[in-house]
Amino acid sequence: MVFGQENIFTIDADLSQSGYYTFINCCFRVKEVTIGDITQLSLLGVAQPLFKKILLKEGQRSAAALEKNSADEIIHLLKEAKSGDNEAAEALLETLEIDLNGIECFDGYYFFLIESQGFDRLLISDNVDKKNYEFKLPKNHFYKSIKLLLSWINDVTYIALKTDM
């Protein structure tokens, strides 16, 4: 399934089951760039709460002090805070980080979102290929895509549980 709008930002996801466990494969596609490894399975019980956690900070991820900074500068600053090398930036990290640690599809990536007037800046650091990305998305498009994904997960898992009874 694809959630979001092609050529802007989408989440590609699929669910599978093995025994009592449900797994998700997913990746982000932003314009022509694929972020994540859709071939990797992640336990849905780990992934779903992390996606839900993203929505808890909706409307709170602003950082006016960083508006003029480049993506590379911001990512460097936030990764320093994450490693404990920049205590002053830890509050920014807490505000801007999208923590998907535990979803194997996104191993080796760091995600940050800065909400601005009219658009959101999605910053991604790929530690495998040693690249940083910045994508300007329409306001709230990222959150809408996450909500669509979660709604689908709820619908599909409810149907599966109901038919197992």
Protein backbone atom coordinates (compact mmCIF):
# COMPACT_ATOMS: atom_id res chain seq x y z
CA MET A 1 0.00 0.00 0.00
CA VAL A 2 1.08 3.55 -0.67
CA PHE A 3 0.20 6.42 1.65
CA GLY A 4 0.73 10.06 0.74
CA GLN A 5 1.04 11.79 -2.58
CA GLU A 6 3.31 10.53 -5.35
CA ASN A 7 6.12 12.93 -6.34
CA ILE A 8 5.90 14.63 -2.93
CA PHE A 9 6.15 12.09 -0.10
CA THR A 10 4.82 8.57 0.27
CA ILE A 11 5.11 5.70 2.68
CA ASP A 12 5.20 2.29 1.01
CA ALA A 13 4.14 -0.40 3.45
CA ASP A 14 3.05 -4.00 3.55
CA LEU A 15 1.98 -6.25 6.40
CA SER A 16 2.67 -9.97 6.70
CA GLN A 17 2.10 -12.58 9.36
CA SER A 18 4.16 -15.50 10.59
CA GLY A 19 2.59 -17.54 13.34
CA TYR A 20 1.37 -15.16 16.02
CA TYR A 21 3.53 -12.27 14.84
CA THR A 22 2.65 -9.49 12.43
CA PHE A 23 5.41 -7.73 10.51
CA ILE A 24 5.64 -4.53 8.53
CA ASN A 25 7.93 -3.72 5.62
CA CYS A 26 8.09 -0.04 4.80
CA CYS A 27 10.09 2.76 3.29
CA PHE A 28 9.66 6.45 2.57
CA ARG A 29 9.76 7.77 -0.97
CA VAL A 30 10.42 11.47 -1.31
CA LYS A 31 10.38 12.69 -4.87
CA GLU A 32 12.73 10.17 -6.53
CA VAL A 33 14.66 9.12 -3.41
CA THR A 34 13.90 5.94 -1.47
CA ILE A 35 14.65 6.08 2.24
CA GLY A 36 14.76 2.77 4.06
CA ASP A 37 14.95 -0.88 3.05
CA ILE A 38 11.49 -2.21 2.26
CA THR A 39 12.85 -5.78 2.19
CA GLN A 40 13.51 -5.68 5.94
CA LEU A 41 10.80 -6.99 8.25
CA SER A 42 10.00 -5.19 11.49
CA LEU A 43 7.65 -6.33 14.22
CA LEU A 44 4.44 -4.35 13.93
CA GLY A 45 4.23 -4.26 17.73
CA VAL A 46 7.45 -2.22 17.75
CA ALA A 47 6.81 -0.09 14.66
CA GLN A 48 3.21 0.98 15.28
CA PRO A 49 3.87 2.74 18.63
CA LEU A 50 6.84 4.58 17.09
CA PHE A 51 4.65 5.87 14.26
CA LYS A 52 1.99 6.90 16.79
CA LYS A 53 4.62 8.72 18.85
CA ILE A 54 5.41 10.94 15.84
CA LEU A 55 1.90 12.39 15.99
CA LEU A 56 2.24 13.40 19.66
CA LYS A 57 4.45 16.34 18.67
CA GLU A 58 2.40 17.48 15.70
CA GLY A 59 2.40 21.28 15.68
CA GLN A 60 5.32 21.45 18.16
CA ARG A 61 8.35 20.86 15.93
CA SER A 62 9.39 24.41 15.20
CA ALA A 63 12.88 25.86 15.48
CA ALA A 64 12.97 29.50 14.42
CA ALA A 65 16.64 29.74 15.43
CA LEU A 66 17.54 27.21 12.72
CA GLU A 67 15.56 28.69 9.82
CA LYS A 68 18.65 30.04 8.08
CA ASN A 69 20.84 26.99 8.73
CA SER A 70 21.54 24.44 6.03
CA ALA A 71 20.35 20.86 6.35
CA ASP A 72 23.93 19.68 6.85
CA GLU A 73 24.48 22.15 9.70
CA ILE A 74 21.25 21.18 11.44
CA ILE A 75 21.83 17.45 11.04
CA HIS A 76 25.40 17.78 12.35
CA LEU A 77 24.17 19.75 15.38
CA LEU A 78 21.39 17.27 16.19
CA LYS A 79 23.61 14.21 15.73
CA GLU A 80 26.11 15.80 18.13
CA ALA A 81 23.30 16.18 20.66
CA LYS A 82 22.22 12.57 20.10
CA SER A 83 25.73 11.30 20.80
CA GLY A 84 26.00 13.46 23.94
CA ASP A 85 28.60 15.81 22.46
CA ASN A 86 26.37 18.91 22.50
CA GLU A 87 24.23 19.28 25.60
CA ALA A 88 23.00 22.71 24.50
CA ALA A 89 21.26 21.17 21.48
CA GLU A 90 19.56 18.33 23.39
CA ALA A 91 16.28 20.26 23.76
CA LEU A 92 16.23 20.84 20.00
CA LEU A 93 16.88 17.15 19.43
CA GLU A 94 13.97 16.24 21.71
CA THR A 95 11.72 18.59 19.74
CA LEU A 96 12.79 17.78 16.18
CA GLU A 97 13.77 14.11 16.15
CA ILE A 98 11.50 11.52 14.61
CA ASP A 99 12.63 8.41 16.46
CA LEU A 100 12.20 5.32 14.29
CA ASN A 101 14.92 3.40 16.11
CA GLY A 102 13.69 -0.18 16.34
CA ILE A 103 12.15 -0.32 12.87
CA GLU A 104 14.69 -2.39 10.96
CA CYS A 105 13.58 -0.90 7.64
CA PHE A 106 15.12 2.39 8.78
CA ASP A 107 18.37 1.13 10.37
CA GLY A 108 21.17 3.61 9.75
CA TYR A 109 18.90 6.63 9.28
CA TYR A 110 18.20 9.67 11.44
CA PHE A 111 15.04 11.70 10.85
CA PHE A 112 14.23 15.27 11.89
CA LEU A 113 11.22 17.41 11.08
CA ILE A 114 11.05 21.20 11.34
CA GLU A 115 7.63 22.77 10.96
CA SER A 116 7.78 26.16 9.28
CA GLN A 117 5.27 28.60 7.86
CA GLY A 118 3.71 27.03 4.79
CA PHE A 119 5.96 23.95 4.63
CA ASP A 120 7.79 21.38 6.71
CA ARG A 121 11.50 20.54 6.38
CA LEU A 122 12.16 16.81 6.54
CA LEU A 123 15.85 16.25 7.23
CA ILE A 124 17.31 12.77 6.87
CA SER A 125 20.79 11.53 7.56
CA ASP A 126 21.74 8.26 5.86
CA ASN A 127 24.67 6.84 7.83
CA VAL A 128 25.11 3.93 5.42
CA ASP A 129 25.68 6.00 2.26
CA LYS A 130 26.95 9.01 4.24
CA LYS A 131 24.41 11.40 2.72
CA ASN A 132 22.14 14.04 4.14
CA TYR A 133 18.82 14.98 2.59
CA GLU A 134 16.48 17.90 2.95
CA PHE A 135 12.96 17.79 1.58
CA LYS A 136 10.49 20.65 1.79
CA LEU A 137 7.04 19.13 2.09
CA PRO A 138 3.65 20.84 2.03
CA LYS A 139 2.53 21.77 5.54
CA ASN A 140 1.38 18.68 7.51
CA HIS A 141 1.81 16.31 4.52
CA PHE A 142 4.19 14.11 6.53
CA TYR A 143 1.70 13.84 9.41
CA LYS A 144 -1.21 13.12 7.05
CA SER A 145 0.77 10.26 5.51
CA ILE A 146 1.55 8.80 8.95
CA LYS A 147 -2.14 9.05 9.91
CA LEU A 148 -3.17 7.23 6.72
CA LEU A 149 -0.64 4.48 7.44
CA LEU A 150 -1.86 4.06 11.03
CA SER A 151 -5.51 4.04 9.96
CA TRP A 152 -4.76 1.30 7.43
CA ILE A 153 -2.84 -0.73 10.04
CA ASN A 154 -5.78 -0.44 12.44
CA ASP A 155 -8.28 -1.47 9.78
CA VAL A 156 -6.24 -4.41 8.48
CA THR A 157 -5.28 -5.77 11.90
CA TYR A 158 -8.87 -5.42 13.15
CA ILE A 159 -10.17 -7.39 10.18
CA ALA A 160 -7.47 -10.05 10.68
CA LEU A 161 -8.27 -10.38 14.38
CA LYS A 162 -12.01 -10.50 13.73
CA THR A 163 -11.65 -13.25 11.10
CA ASP A 164 -9.39 -15.31 13.41
CA MET A 165 -12.13 -15.58 16.04
